[in-house]
Amino acid sequence: MQQYETLFVLHPDLPEAQIRETTDRAKRLLEGMGGQVGEVHEWGMRDLAYPIQKLRRGYYIVIDYTATGDAVRELERTLKIADEVLRYVSVRVAEVKRKVRPSRRKRAAAPPAAADDVSEKAPGLE
């Protein structure tokens, strides 16, 4: 199972009850297919970057979850046929792999490399 985020934009004229119902429907669908819903972020009413169906505003919701690819496809299919959803996008969240590097103090305290030792003279150069 992978970590995903889905952002969807709802119609701005929806009542609060229908916004909650749409969000709960998405959560139930993911949990029903074996996914685990992490956080639901309601960004609220915001301006759209461009008009969609002659609307300039929309209600934004972001859901963070862990699920299989089949669950994501089913969620997107459900959002696609829902009349109250203007747009949606799902992305897989990449794991951040950080290299473990020694701290600056440890690097400064380490002895310099012996390959650049200039104290030895090359043969024939005196």
N, C-alpha and C. Protein backbone atom coordinates (compact mmCIF):
# COMPACT_ATOMS: atom_id res chain seq x y z
N MET A 1 0.85 -1.18 0.00
CA MET A 1 0.00 0.00 0.00
C MET A 1 0.89 1.23 0.00
N GLN A 2 0.42 2.25 -0.67
CA GLN A 2 1.17 3.49 -0.85
C GLN A 2 0.46 4.65 -0.16
N GLN A 3 1.19 5.71 0.06
CA GLN A 3 0.65 6.94 0.65
C GLN A 3 0.18 7.84 -0.50
N TYR A 4 -1.07 8.34 -0.42
CA TYR A 4 -1.64 9.19 -1.45
C TYR A 4 -2.26 10.44 -0.84
N GLU A 5 -2.47 11.43 -1.69
CA GLU A 5 -3.24 12.63 -1.36
C GLU A 5 -4.22 12.86 -2.50
N THR A 6 -5.45 13.17 -2.16
CA THR A 6 -6.43 13.53 -3.17
C THR A 6 -7.01 14.88 -2.80
N LEU A 7 -6.97 15.81 -3.74
CA LEU A 7 -7.57 17.12 -3.57
C LEU A 7 -8.78 17.17 -4.48
N PHE A 8 -9.91 17.59 -3.94
CA PHE A 8 -11.05 17.80 -4.80
C PHE A 8 -11.72 19.12 -4.48
N VAL A 9 -12.29 19.72 -5.52
CA VAL A 9 -12.93 21.03 -5.42
C VAL A 9 -14.43 20.81 -5.61
N LEU A 10 -15.19 21.27 -4.63
CA LEU A 10 -16.64 21.12 -4.66
C LEU A 10 -17.31 22.41 -5.12
N HIS A 11 -18.53 22.26 -5.59
CA HIS A 11 -19.34 23.39 -6.03
C HIS A 11 -19.50 24.38 -4.88
N PRO A 12 -19.36 25.68 -5.13
CA PRO A 12 -19.39 26.66 -4.03
C PRO A 12 -20.76 26.86 -3.39
N ASP A 13 -21.84 26.47 -4.05
CA ASP A 13 -23.18 26.69 -3.51
C ASP A 13 -23.71 25.52 -2.70
N LEU A 14 -22.89 24.52 -2.41
CA LEU A 14 -23.34 23.36 -1.65
C LEU A 14 -23.57 23.72 -0.19
N PRO A 15 -24.61 23.17 0.42
CA PRO A 15 -24.79 23.37 1.86
C PRO A 15 -23.73 22.58 2.64
N GLU A 16 -23.50 22.97 3.86
CA GLU A 16 -22.48 22.34 4.71
C GLU A 16 -22.75 20.84 4.87
N ALA A 17 -24.00 20.45 4.97
CA ALA A 17 -24.35 19.03 5.15
C ALA A 17 -23.91 18.21 3.94
N GLN A 18 -24.06 18.73 2.75
CA GLN A 18 -23.67 17.97 1.56
C GLN A 18 -22.15 17.92 1.41
N ILE A 19 -21.46 18.95 1.86
CA ILE A 19 -19.98 18.92 1.86
C ILE A 19 -19.50 17.82 2.78
N ARG A 20 -20.09 17.73 3.98
CA ARG A 20 -19.73 16.67 4.93
C ARG A 20 -20.06 15.29 4.35
N GLU A 21 -21.21 15.16 3.71
CA GLU A 21 -21.61 13.88 3.13
C GLU A 21 -20.64 13.44 2.04
N THR A 22 -20.21 14.34 1.19
CA THR A 22 -19.27 14.00 0.12
C THR A 22 -17.93 13.57 0.71
N THR A 23 -17.47 14.28 1.71
CA THR A 23 -16.21 13.93 2.37
C THR A 23 -16.31 12.58 3.07
N ASP A 24 -17.41 12.36 3.77
CA ASP A 24 -17.60 11.07 4.46
C ASP A 24 -17.73 9.91 3.47
N ARG A 25 -18.37 10.15 2.34
CA ARG A 25 -18.51 9.11 1.32
C ARG A 25 -17.13 8.70 0.80
N ALA A 26 -16.26 9.67 0.58
CA ALA A 26 -14.90 9.37 0.11
C ALA A 26 -14.13 8.58 1.18
N LYS A 27 -14.26 8.99 2.44
CA LYS A 27 -13.57 8.28 3.52
C LYS A 27 -14.09 6.85 3.66
N ARG A 28 -15.42 6.66 3.60
CA ARG A 28 -16.00 5.32 3.72
C ARG A 28 -15.55 4.43 2.57
N LEU A 29 -15.48 4.98 1.37
CA LEU A 29 -15.07 4.20 0.21
C LEU A 29 -13.63 3.71 0.39
N LEU A 30 -12.75 4.60 0.82
CA LEU A 30 -11.34 4.21 1.02
C LEU A 30 -11.20 3.17 2.12
N GLU A 31 -11.90 3.38 3.23
CA GLU A 31 -11.80 2.42 4.34
C GLU A 31 -12.45 1.10 3.98
N GLY A 32 -13.49 1.12 3.16
CA GLY A 32 -14.15 -0.10 2.72
C GLY A 32 -13.28 -0.94 1.81
N MET A 33 -12.36 -0.30 1.12
CA MET A 33 -11.45 -1.03 0.23
C MET A 33 -10.10 -1.32 0.89
N GLY A 34 -10.04 -1.24 2.21
CA GLY A 34 -8.84 -1.61 2.94
C GLY A 34 -7.85 -0.49 3.16
N GLY A 35 -8.20 0.74 2.82
CA GLY A 35 -7.30 1.88 3.01
C GLY A 35 -7.42 2.45 4.41
N GLN A 36 -6.48 3.28 4.75
CA GLN A 36 -6.48 3.96 6.05
C GLN A 36 -6.42 5.46 5.80
N VAL A 37 -7.45 6.17 6.24
CA VAL A 37 -7.51 7.61 6.04
C VAL A 37 -6.74 8.28 7.16
N GLY A 38 -5.79 9.13 6.78
CA GLY A 38 -4.98 9.85 7.77
C GLY A 38 -5.68 11.12 8.20
N GLU A 39 -5.48 12.19 7.45
CA GLU A 39 -6.06 13.48 7.80
C GLU A 39 -6.93 13.98 6.67
N VAL A 40 -7.94 14.77 7.05
CA VAL A 40 -8.79 15.44 6.08
C VAL A 40 -8.62 16.94 6.34
N HIS A 41 -8.09 17.65 5.36
CA HIS A 41 -7.87 19.09 5.49
C HIS A 41 -8.94 19.81 4.68
N GLU A 42 -9.71 20.62 5.35
CA GLU A 42 -10.71 21.44 4.64
C GLU A 42 -10.11 22.82 4.48
N TRP A 43 -9.75 23.16 3.26
CA TRP A 43 -9.17 24.47 2.99
C TRP A 43 -10.24 25.53 2.88
N GLY A 44 -11.48 25.10 2.67
CA GLY A 44 -12.58 26.06 2.60
C GLY A 44 -12.75 26.68 1.23
N MET A 45 -13.50 27.77 1.20
CA MET A 45 -13.81 28.45 -0.05
C MET A 45 -12.60 29.25 -0.52
N ARG A 46 -12.19 29.01 -1.76
CA ARG A 46 -11.04 29.71 -2.36
C ARG A 46 -11.35 30.05 -3.80
N ASP A 47 -10.60 31.02 -4.31
CA ASP A 47 -10.73 31.36 -5.73
C ASP A 47 -10.08 30.28 -6.57
N LEU A 48 -10.69 29.99 -7.70
CA LEU A 48 -10.12 29.04 -8.65
C LEU A 48 -9.08 29.75 -9.50
N ALA A 49 -8.14 29.00 -10.04
CA ALA A 49 -7.11 29.58 -10.89
C ALA A 49 -7.71 30.02 -12.23
N TYR A 50 -8.76 29.35 -12.66
CA TYR A 50 -9.45 29.68 -13.91
C TYR A 50 -10.92 29.27 -13.73
N PRO A 51 -11.82 29.88 -14.47
CA PRO A 51 -13.24 29.53 -14.33
C PRO A 51 -13.52 28.09 -14.74
N ILE A 52 -14.33 27.41 -13.94
CA ILE A 52 -14.79 26.06 -14.24
C ILE A 52 -16.30 26.11 -14.22
N GLN A 53 -16.93 25.76 -15.31
CA GLN A 53 -18.39 25.80 -15.45
C GLN A 53 -18.93 27.19 -15.07
N LYS A 54 -18.22 28.21 -15.48
CA LYS A 54 -18.55 29.62 -15.22
C LYS A 54 -18.54 29.98 -13.73
N LEU A 55 -17.83 29.20 -12.94
CA LEU A 55 -17.69 29.47 -11.50
C LEU A 55 -16.27 29.96 -11.23
N ARG A 56 -16.14 30.89 -10.31
CA ARG A 56 -14.82 31.44 -9.99
C ARG A 56 -14.32 31.02 -8.61
N ARG A 57 -15.17 30.36 -7.83
CA ARG A 57 -14.79 29.92 -6.49
C ARG A 57 -15.16 28.45 -6.32
N GLY A 58 -14.52 27.81 -5.35
CA GLY A 58 -14.82 26.42 -5.06
C GLY A 58 -14.43 26.08 -3.64
N TYR A 59 -14.98 24.99 -3.11
CA TYR A 59 -14.68 24.53 -1.75
C TYR A 59 -13.65 23.41 -1.86
N TYR A 60 -12.45 23.63 -1.30
CA TYR A 60 -11.32 22.72 -1.43
C TYR A 60 -11.23 21.76 -0.24
N ILE A 61 -10.99 20.47 -0.53
CA ILE A 61 -10.79 19.46 0.50
C ILE A 61 -9.61 18.58 0.06
N VAL A 62 -8.71 18.28 1.01
CA VAL A 62 -7.56 17.40 0.76
C VAL A 62 -7.64 16.23 1.73
N ILE A 63 -7.52 15.01 1.21
CA ILE A 63 -7.53 13.81 2.04
C ILE A 63 -6.19 13.12 1.89
N ASP A 64 -5.52 12.85 3.02
CA ASP A 64 -4.28 12.07 3.06
C ASP A 64 -4.66 10.65 3.47
N TYR A 65 -4.16 9.65 2.74
CA TYR A 65 -4.54 8.27 3.05
C TYR A 65 -3.51 7.29 2.53
N THR A 66 -3.60 6.07 3.03
CA THR A 66 -2.79 4.96 2.57
C THR A 66 -3.73 3.93 1.97
N ALA A 67 -3.49 3.54 0.73
CA ALA A 67 -4.40 2.61 0.06
C ALA A 67 -3.69 1.94 -1.12
N THR A 68 -4.40 1.04 -1.76
CA THR A 68 -3.90 0.39 -2.96
C THR A 68 -4.30 1.20 -4.18
N GLY A 69 -3.73 0.86 -5.31
CA GLY A 69 -4.05 1.55 -6.55
C GLY A 69 -5.51 1.36 -6.96
N ASP A 70 -6.07 0.18 -6.66
CA ASP A 70 -7.47 -0.07 -6.98
C ASP A 70 -8.40 0.85 -6.21
N ALA A 71 -8.07 1.12 -4.96
CA ALA A 71 -8.90 2.02 -4.14
C ALA A 71 -8.84 3.44 -4.69
N VAL A 72 -7.68 3.86 -5.15
CA VAL A 72 -7.54 5.21 -5.71
C VAL A 72 -8.35 5.32 -7.00
N ARG A 73 -8.28 4.30 -7.85
CA ARG A 73 -9.06 4.33 -9.08
C ARG A 73 -10.55 4.38 -8.80
N GLU A 74 -11.01 3.64 -7.81
CA GLU A 74 -12.44 3.64 -7.46
C GLU A 74 -12.85 4.99 -6.89
N LEU A 75 -11.99 5.60 -6.07
CA LEU A 75 -12.29 6.94 -5.54
C LEU A 75 -12.39 7.95 -6.68
N GLU A 76 -11.45 7.91 -7.60
CA GLU A 76 -11.49 8.84 -8.73
C GLU A 76 -12.71 8.61 -9.61
N ARG A 77 -13.12 7.35 -9.80
CA ARG A 77 -14.32 7.06 -10.57
C ARG A 77 -15.55 7.65 -9.89
N THR A 78 -15.61 7.52 -8.56
CA THR A 78 -16.74 8.06 -7.80
C THR A 78 -16.77 9.58 -7.87
N LEU A 79 -15.59 10.22 -7.75
CA LEU A 79 -15.54 11.68 -7.83
C LEU A 79 -15.90 12.18 -9.23
N LYS A 80 -15.54 11.40 -10.23
CA LYS A 80 -15.80 11.80 -11.62
C LYS A 80 -17.30 11.86 -11.92
N ILE A 81 -18.08 10.94 -11.35
CA ILE A 81 -19.50 10.91 -11.66
C ILE A 81 -20.34 11.76 -10.69
N ALA A 82 -19.71 12.29 -9.63
CA ALA A 82 -20.44 13.12 -8.66
C ALA A 82 -20.63 14.52 -9.25
N ASP A 83 -21.86 14.99 -9.27
CA ASP A 83 -22.17 16.31 -9.84
C ASP A 83 -21.59 17.46 -9.02
N GLU A 84 -21.41 17.27 -7.73
CA GLU A 84 -20.95 18.37 -6.88
C GLU A 84 -19.44 18.59 -6.95
N VAL A 85 -18.70 17.67 -7.57
CA VAL A 85 -17.24 17.78 -7.67
C VAL A 85 -16.89 18.47 -8.99
N LEU A 86 -16.19 19.61 -8.87
CA LEU A 86 -15.76 20.34 -10.06
C LEU A 86 -14.48 19.75 -10.64
N ARG A 87 -13.48 19.52 -9.79
CA ARG A 87 -12.20 18.96 -10.21
C ARG A 87 -11.65 18.10 -9.08
N TYR A 88 -10.75 17.18 -9.44
CA TYR A 88 -10.05 16.37 -8.45
C TYR A 88 -8.69 16.01 -9.00
N VAL A 89 -7.76 15.73 -8.11
CA VAL A 89 -6.44 15.25 -8.51
C VAL A 89 -5.91 14.37 -7.37
N SER A 90 -5.35 13.22 -7.75
CA SER A 90 -4.74 12.31 -6.78
C SER A 90 -3.27 12.17 -7.12
N VAL A 91 -2.43 12.22 -6.09
CA VAL A 91 -0.99 12.05 -6.27
C VAL A 91 -0.46 11.09 -5.22
N ARG A 92 0.55 10.34 -5.62
CA ARG A 92 1.22 9.47 -4.66
C ARG A 92 2.31 10.27 -3.97
N VAL A 93 2.34 10.21 -2.67
CA VAL A 93 3.32 10.95 -1.89
C VAL A 93 4.59 10.12 -1.83
N ALA A 94 5.68 10.68 -2.31
CA ALA A 94 6.95 9.96 -2.32
C ALA A 94 7.56 9.97 -0.94
N GLU A 95 8.22 8.87 -0.60
CA GLU A 95 8.94 8.82 0.66
C GLU A 95 10.19 9.67 0.54
N VAL A 96 10.48 10.41 1.57
CA VAL A 96 11.68 11.24 1.57
C VAL A 96 12.81 10.42 2.19
N LYS A 97 13.80 10.11 1.36
CA LYS A 97 14.95 9.37 1.85
C LYS A 97 16.09 10.35 2.02
N ARG A 98 16.52 10.50 3.23
CA ARG A 98 17.60 11.45 3.52
C ARG A 98 18.88 10.68 3.72
N LYS A 99 19.95 11.20 3.14
CA LYS A 99 21.25 10.60 3.34
C LYS A 99 21.74 10.97 4.74
N VAL A 100 22.30 10.00 5.40
CA VAL A 100 22.86 10.26 6.72
C VAL A 100 24.30 10.70 6.51
N ARG A 101 24.55 11.92 6.87
CA ARG A 101 25.90 12.48 6.71
C ARG A 101 26.42 12.84 8.09
N PRO A 102 27.72 12.73 8.28
CA PRO A 102 28.26 13.16 9.57
C PRO A 102 28.12 14.67 9.73
N SER A 103 28.00 15.07 10.95
CA SER A 103 27.84 16.51 11.20
C SER A 103 29.11 17.25 10.83
N ARG A 104 29.03 18.56 10.74
CA ARG A 104 30.20 19.37 10.36
C ARG A 104 31.33 19.23 11.37
N ARG A 105 30.99 19.13 12.62
CA ARG A 105 32.04 18.99 13.65
C ARG A 105 32.82 17.70 13.44
N LYS A 106 32.10 16.62 13.14
CA LYS A 106 32.78 15.35 12.95
C LYS A 106 33.64 15.38 11.70
N ARG A 107 33.16 16.04 10.63
CA ARG A 107 33.95 16.14 9.41
C ARG A 107 35.19 17.00 9.63
N ALA A 108 35.08 18.07 10.41
CA ALA A 108 36.22 18.95 10.67
C ALA A 108 37.25 18.25 11.55
N ALA A 109 36.81 17.38 12.46
CA ALA A 109 37.72 16.69 13.37
C ALA A 109 38.40 15.50 12.70
N ALA A 110 37.87 15.03 11.59
CA ALA A 110 38.47 13.88 10.91
C ALA A 110 39.81 14.25 10.30
N PRO A 111 40.79 13.35 10.31
CA PRO A 111 42.10 13.66 9.73
C PRO A 111 41.99 13.80 8.22
N PRO A 112 42.83 14.65 7.61
CA PRO A 112 42.77 14.82 6.16
C PRO A 112 43.21 13.54 5.46
N ALA A 113 42.82 13.42 4.23
CA ALA A 113 43.16 12.23 3.44
C ALA A 113 44.66 12.16 3.22
N ALA A 114 45.25 10.98 3.28
CA ALA A 114 46.69 10.79 3.15
C ALA A 114 47.15 10.82 1.69
N ALA A 115 46.26 10.78 0.74
CA ALA A 115 46.64 10.74 -0.67
C ALA A 115 47.28 12.05 -1.11
N ASP A 116 46.99 13.15 -0.45
CA ASP A 116 47.52 14.45 -0.84
C ASP A 116 48.69 14.88 0.04
N ASP A 117 49.42 13.93 0.59
CA ASP A 117 50.53 14.24 1.49
C ASP A 117 51.69 14.79 0.65
N VAL A 118 52.03 16.07 0.84
CA VAL A 118 53.08 16.70 0.06
C VAL A 118 54.43 16.68 0.78
N SER A 119 54.48 16.09 1.96
CA SER A 119 55.74 16.07 2.69
C SER A 119 56.74 15.10 2.05
N GLU A 120 56.23 14.11 1.35
CA GLU A 120 57.12 13.19 0.65
C GLU A 120 57.48 13.80 -0.70
N LYS A 121 58.72 13.65 -1.07
CA LYS A 121 59.16 14.18 -2.36
C LYS A 121 59.16 13.07 -3.38
N ALA A 122 58.83 13.45 -4.55
CA ALA A 122 58.87 12.48 -5.64
C ALA A 122 60.31 12.15 -5.97
N PRO A 123 60.59 10.93 -6.38
CA PRO A 123 61.97 10.55 -6.71
C PRO A 123 62.50 11.38 -7.89
N GLY A 124 63.71 11.84 -7.76
CA GLY A 124 64.35 12.60 -8.81
C GLY A 124 64.12 14.09 -8.71
N LEU A 125 63.30 14.53 -7.76
CA LEU A 125 63.06 15.96 -7.59
C LEU A 125 63.60 16.41 -6.25
N GLU A 126 64.79 16.99 -6.26
CA GLU A 126 65.35 17.46 -5.00
C GLU A 126 65.81 18.86 -5.10
